[in-house]
Amino acid sequence: MKTLIYATAVTLFVASTVPAFAKSPNDAKVTHLGNSAAIPNYAQFPGATHKFNVYVQGEAISELRIDLPEDIKIKQGIEVQNQSGKRIPATVDINAREATLTFSEPIAAGNSILVMMNGIKTPGYQKTWHYPVYIKKVGMTEEIPLGLARVQTYGS
């Protein structure tokens, strides 16, 4: 019985000392990834769009880099839109293993962007694709890892 009381007390203490960082992911104080998806999410569809959101917080970002999985090819380029659906101008450089987007004007804090990789060619089998995403903040030379944009595709 004493063990149960001690375990409950420790659990309540730890729970009360951990702050609530944000009420929703969009309220976070650091730049972070949001939703991701494949449109359509059928693995054998030639030319799907894989997309994800980036919520810019803290400082403006000037560049975004995406590591591409080994079996992924982008056939129709990458487009970036703001939260209103307006296209954001960016220089896009795609090679076999990564895509780098350099924004003509930095993306200011408080904005969200939608990154759409168009014309995705996959091997055609069901898989969860992981895209490591990195950013550069204005005035910085080092990249900051944001995490993995996770895109699920389904087979027949």
Foldseek 3Di string as FASTA:
>chain_A
DVVVVVVVVVVVVVVVPDDDQDPDPLRHQAKAKDAWEWVVQALQDFKIKTKTKIAHHDFWFFKKKKFFPQFKDQDPAKWKAKPVRHTFDWDWDDDNTMIMTGGPDTGGHPIMMMIIRTRIHGPRAWDWTWIWMWTHGPPDDDIDTRGTHIYTHHYD
